[in-house]
């Protein structure tokens, strides 16, 4: 397993990054997820149902991007912390 670190240059103003990357979670509203939401289930139960239906949690998507070399794990953690 390799985790990359950014190397800066004049073109990226020393940041080691180019462009932007959007990490997102998409919860598909299937029957089970809808049932849980409408019954006011705990968010953990809703998340588990979403994952079972194919949802990729935000942190897992970020770790995948870090392993791909698209970003760093530090940027993933920073972005997720800013969200919550």
N, C-alpha and C. Protein backbone atom coordinates (compact mmCIF):
# COMPACT_ATOMS: atom_id res chain seq x y z
N UNK A 1 0.85 -1.17 0.00
CA UNK A 1 0.00 0.00 0.00
C UNK A 1 0.90 1.23 0.00
N UNK A 2 0.61 2.18 -0.89
CA UNK A 2 1.37 3.41 -0.98
C UNK A 2 0.46 4.59 -0.78
N UNK A 3 0.84 5.48 0.12
CA UNK A 3 0.14 6.75 0.30
C UNK A 3 1.08 7.84 -0.20
N UNK A 4 0.59 8.64 -1.12
CA UNK A 4 1.40 9.66 -1.76
C UNK A 4 1.42 10.95 -0.95
N UNK A 5 2.50 11.71 -1.13
CA UNK A 5 2.61 13.03 -0.54
C UNK A 5 2.82 14.02 -1.68
N UNK A 6 2.24 15.22 -1.57
CA UNK A 6 2.38 16.20 -2.66
C UNK A 6 3.79 16.74 -2.75
N UNK A 7 4.22 16.98 -3.98
CA UNK A 7 5.50 17.62 -4.23
C UNK A 7 5.19 18.88 -5.03
N UNK A 8 5.57 20.01 -4.50
CA UNK A 8 5.22 21.28 -5.13
C UNK A 8 6.12 21.66 -6.29
N UNK A 9 5.62 22.57 -7.10
CA UNK A 9 6.35 23.12 -8.23
C UNK A 9 5.82 24.53 -8.49
N UNK A 10 6.49 25.31 -9.31
CA UNK A 10 5.98 26.67 -9.59
C UNK A 10 4.58 26.66 -10.22
N UNK A 11 4.28 25.64 -11.03
CA UNK A 11 2.98 25.59 -11.69
C UNK A 11 1.82 25.44 -10.71
N UNK A 12 2.05 24.71 -9.60
CA UNK A 12 0.98 24.52 -8.61
C UNK A 12 1.16 25.44 -7.40
N UNK A 13 2.06 26.40 -7.52
CA UNK A 13 2.36 27.35 -6.43
C UNK A 13 2.83 26.64 -5.18
N UNK A 14 3.54 25.54 -5.37
CA UNK A 14 4.14 24.84 -4.25
C UNK A 14 3.21 23.95 -3.45
N UNK A 15 1.97 23.79 -3.91
CA UNK A 15 1.00 23.00 -3.14
C UNK A 15 1.11 21.50 -3.41
N UNK A 16 1.51 21.13 -4.61
CA UNK A 16 1.53 19.73 -4.98
C UNK A 16 0.20 19.22 -5.51
N UNK A 17 -0.76 20.13 -5.67
CA UNK A 17 -2.08 19.75 -6.14
C UNK A 17 -2.44 20.51 -7.41
N UNK A 18 -3.25 19.90 -8.26
CA UNK A 18 -3.74 20.54 -9.47
C UNK A 18 -5.24 20.29 -9.55
N UNK A 19 -5.99 21.36 -9.68
CA UNK A 19 -7.44 21.22 -9.81
C UNK A 19 -8.11 20.89 -8.50
N UNK A 20 -9.31 20.41 -8.61
CA UNK A 20 -10.10 20.06 -7.43
C UNK A 20 -10.66 18.66 -7.59
N UNK A 21 -10.95 18.05 -6.46
CA UNK A 21 -11.53 16.71 -6.43
C UNK A 21 -12.76 16.76 -5.53
N UNK A 22 -13.87 16.29 -6.03
CA UNK A 22 -15.09 16.24 -5.22
C UNK A 22 -15.24 14.83 -4.66
N UNK A 23 -15.35 14.74 -3.35
CA UNK A 23 -15.68 13.48 -2.70
C UNK A 23 -17.11 13.60 -2.21
N UNK A 24 -17.91 12.60 -2.47
CA UNK A 24 -19.32 12.70 -2.09
C UNK A 24 -19.86 11.33 -1.70
N UNK A 25 -20.91 11.37 -0.91
CA UNK A 25 -21.69 10.20 -0.57
C UNK A 25 -23.03 10.35 -1.26
N UNK A 26 -23.52 9.28 -1.83
CA UNK A 26 -24.85 9.32 -2.44
C UNK A 26 -25.66 8.19 -1.84
N UNK A 27 -26.71 8.56 -1.13
CA UNK A 27 -27.59 7.59 -0.51
C UNK A 27 -28.78 7.35 -1.43
N UNK A 28 -28.80 6.19 -2.05
CA UNK A 28 -29.89 5.83 -2.94
C UNK A 28 -31.13 5.50 -2.11
N UNK A 29 -32.23 6.13 -2.43
CA UNK A 29 -33.46 5.96 -1.67
C UNK A 29 -34.19 4.70 -2.13
N UNK A 30 -33.72 3.54 -1.66
CA UNK A 30 -34.45 2.32 -1.97
C UNK A 30 -35.55 2.12 -0.92
N UNK A 31 -36.32 1.06 -1.05
CA UNK A 31 -37.46 0.85 -0.15
C UNK A 31 -37.03 0.73 1.32
N UNK A 32 -35.93 0.02 1.57
CA UNK A 32 -35.47 -0.17 2.94
C UNK A 32 -35.00 1.15 3.56
N UNK A 33 -34.24 1.93 2.82
CA UNK A 33 -33.77 3.22 3.32
C UNK A 33 -34.96 4.14 3.59
N UNK A 34 -35.90 4.18 2.67
CA UNK A 34 -37.09 5.01 2.86
C UNK A 34 -37.86 4.58 4.09
N UNK A 35 -38.04 3.27 4.28
CA UNK A 35 -38.75 2.76 5.45
C UNK A 35 -38.07 3.21 6.74
N UNK A 36 -36.74 3.10 6.76
CA UNK A 36 -35.99 3.50 7.96
C UNK A 36 -36.11 4.99 8.23
N UNK A 37 -36.01 5.79 7.18
CA UNK A 37 -36.12 7.25 7.35
C UNK A 37 -37.50 7.62 7.87
N UNK A 38 -38.53 7.09 7.24
CA UNK A 38 -39.89 7.45 7.64
C UNK A 38 -40.27 6.91 9.02
N UNK A 39 -39.57 5.88 9.46
CA UNK A 39 -39.83 5.36 10.81
C UNK A 39 -38.91 6.02 11.85
N UNK A 40 -38.17 7.03 11.39
CA UNK A 40 -37.25 7.79 12.27
C UNK A 40 -36.21 6.90 12.93
N UNK A 41 -35.65 5.98 12.14
CA UNK A 41 -34.61 5.08 12.64
C UNK A 41 -33.34 5.86 12.95
N UNK A 42 -32.49 5.25 13.73
CA UNK A 42 -31.20 5.82 14.06
C UNK A 42 -30.36 5.99 12.79
N UNK A 43 -29.56 7.06 12.75
CA UNK A 43 -28.78 7.32 11.54
C UNK A 43 -27.82 6.18 11.21
N UNK A 44 -27.32 5.48 12.24
CA UNK A 44 -26.41 4.36 11.99
C UNK A 44 -27.13 3.23 11.25
N UNK A 45 -28.40 3.00 11.58
CA UNK A 45 -29.17 1.97 10.89
C UNK A 45 -29.40 2.36 9.42
N UNK A 46 -29.68 3.64 9.21
CA UNK A 46 -29.88 4.13 7.84
C UNK A 46 -28.59 4.00 7.05
N UNK A 47 -27.47 4.36 7.68
CA UNK A 47 -26.18 4.25 7.00
C UNK A 47 -25.87 2.80 6.64
N UNK A 48 -26.11 1.89 7.57
CA UNK A 48 -25.86 0.46 7.29
C UNK A 48 -26.71 -0.02 6.11
N UNK A 49 -27.97 0.39 6.07
CA UNK A 49 -28.84 0.00 4.95
C UNK A 49 -28.34 0.60 3.65
N UNK A 50 -27.87 1.85 3.70
CA UNK A 50 -27.32 2.49 2.51
C UNK A 50 -26.10 1.76 1.99
N UNK A 51 -25.20 1.39 2.91
CA UNK A 51 -23.98 0.67 2.52
C UNK A 51 -24.35 -0.69 1.93
N UNK A 52 -25.32 -1.36 2.54
CA UNK A 52 -25.77 -2.65 2.01
C UNK A 52 -26.32 -2.50 0.59
N UNK A 53 -26.89 -1.32 0.30
CA UNK A 53 -27.45 -1.06 -1.03
C UNK A 53 -26.42 -0.49 -2.01
N UNK A 54 -25.16 -0.36 -1.55
CA UNK A 54 -24.11 0.07 -2.47
C UNK A 54 -23.53 1.45 -2.22
N UNK A 55 -23.99 2.15 -1.21
CA UNK A 55 -23.43 3.47 -0.91
C UNK A 55 -21.98 3.33 -0.43
N UNK A 56 -21.12 4.21 -0.93
CA UNK A 56 -19.73 4.26 -0.47
C UNK A 56 -19.62 5.43 0.50
N UNK A 57 -19.30 5.15 1.78
CA UNK A 57 -19.19 6.24 2.74
C UNK A 57 -18.09 7.23 2.35
N UNK A 58 -18.26 8.47 2.76
CA UNK A 58 -17.36 9.55 2.37
C UNK A 58 -15.90 9.24 2.71
N UNK A 59 -15.64 8.77 3.92
CA UNK A 59 -14.25 8.49 4.29
C UNK A 59 -13.66 7.38 3.43
N UNK A 60 -14.44 6.34 3.15
CA UNK A 60 -13.95 5.25 2.31
C UNK A 60 -13.64 5.74 0.90
N UNK A 61 -14.48 6.62 0.37
CA UNK A 61 -14.21 7.21 -0.95
C UNK A 61 -12.93 8.02 -0.92
N UNK A 62 -12.73 8.75 0.17
CA UNK A 62 -11.52 9.55 0.31
C UNK A 62 -10.27 8.70 0.42
N UNK A 63 -10.35 7.62 1.19
CA UNK A 63 -9.20 6.72 1.31
C UNK A 63 -8.88 6.10 -0.06
N UNK A 64 -9.91 5.76 -0.80
CA UNK A 64 -9.69 5.23 -2.16
C UNK A 64 -8.98 6.23 -3.05
N UNK A 65 -9.37 7.51 -2.96
CA UNK A 65 -8.71 8.55 -3.75
C UNK A 65 -7.27 8.74 -3.30
N UNK A 66 -7.01 8.63 -2.00
CA UNK A 66 -5.64 8.74 -1.50
C UNK A 66 -4.79 7.57 -1.98
N UNK A 67 -5.35 6.38 -1.96
CA UNK A 67 -4.61 5.21 -2.44
C UNK A 67 -4.37 5.27 -3.95
N UNK A 68 -5.28 5.92 -4.68
CA UNK A 68 -5.09 6.11 -6.12
C UNK A 68 -4.04 7.17 -6.43
N UNK A 69 -3.66 7.95 -5.42
CA UNK A 69 -2.71 9.04 -5.64
C UNK A 69 -3.37 10.32 -6.11
N UNK A 70 -4.70 10.38 -6.07
CA UNK A 70 -5.43 11.56 -6.51
C UNK A 70 -5.36 12.67 -5.48
N UNK A 71 -5.25 12.30 -4.21
CA UNK A 71 -5.14 13.26 -3.11
C UNK A 71 -4.32 12.61 -2.01
N UNK A 72 -4.22 13.28 -0.88
CA UNK A 72 -3.51 12.72 0.27
C UNK A 72 -4.51 12.41 1.37
N UNK A 73 -4.12 11.53 2.27
CA UNK A 73 -4.99 11.20 3.39
C UNK A 73 -5.20 12.43 4.27
N UNK A 74 -4.19 13.29 4.36
CA UNK A 74 -4.33 14.52 5.16
C UNK A 74 -5.42 15.42 4.58
N UNK A 75 -5.48 15.53 3.25
CA UNK A 75 -6.52 16.34 2.62
C UNK A 75 -7.90 15.73 2.82
N UNK A 76 -7.98 14.42 2.79
CA UNK A 76 -9.27 13.74 3.03
C UNK A 76 -9.75 14.05 4.45
N UNK A 77 -8.87 13.88 5.42
CA UNK A 77 -9.25 14.14 6.81
C UNK A 77 -9.61 15.60 7.00
N UNK A 78 -8.83 16.50 6.41
CA UNK A 78 -9.11 17.94 6.52
C UNK A 78 -10.48 18.26 5.92
N UNK A 79 -10.78 17.70 4.78
CA UNK A 79 -12.06 17.97 4.12
C UNK A 79 -13.24 17.42 4.89
N UNK A 80 -13.08 16.25 5.46
CA UNK A 80 -14.17 15.65 6.22
C UNK A 80 -14.37 16.40 7.55
N UNK A 81 -13.29 16.81 8.19
CA UNK A 81 -13.42 17.56 9.44
C UNK A 81 -14.11 18.90 9.19
N UNK A 82 -13.85 19.53 8.06
CA UNK A 82 -14.49 20.81 7.74
C UNK A 82 -15.98 20.63 7.54
N UNK A 83 -16.38 19.43 7.12
CA UNK A 83 -17.79 19.15 6.86
C UNK A 83 -18.59 18.96 8.14
N UNK A 84 -17.98 18.42 9.18
CA UNK A 84 -18.73 18.09 10.37
C UNK A 84 -18.34 18.93 11.51
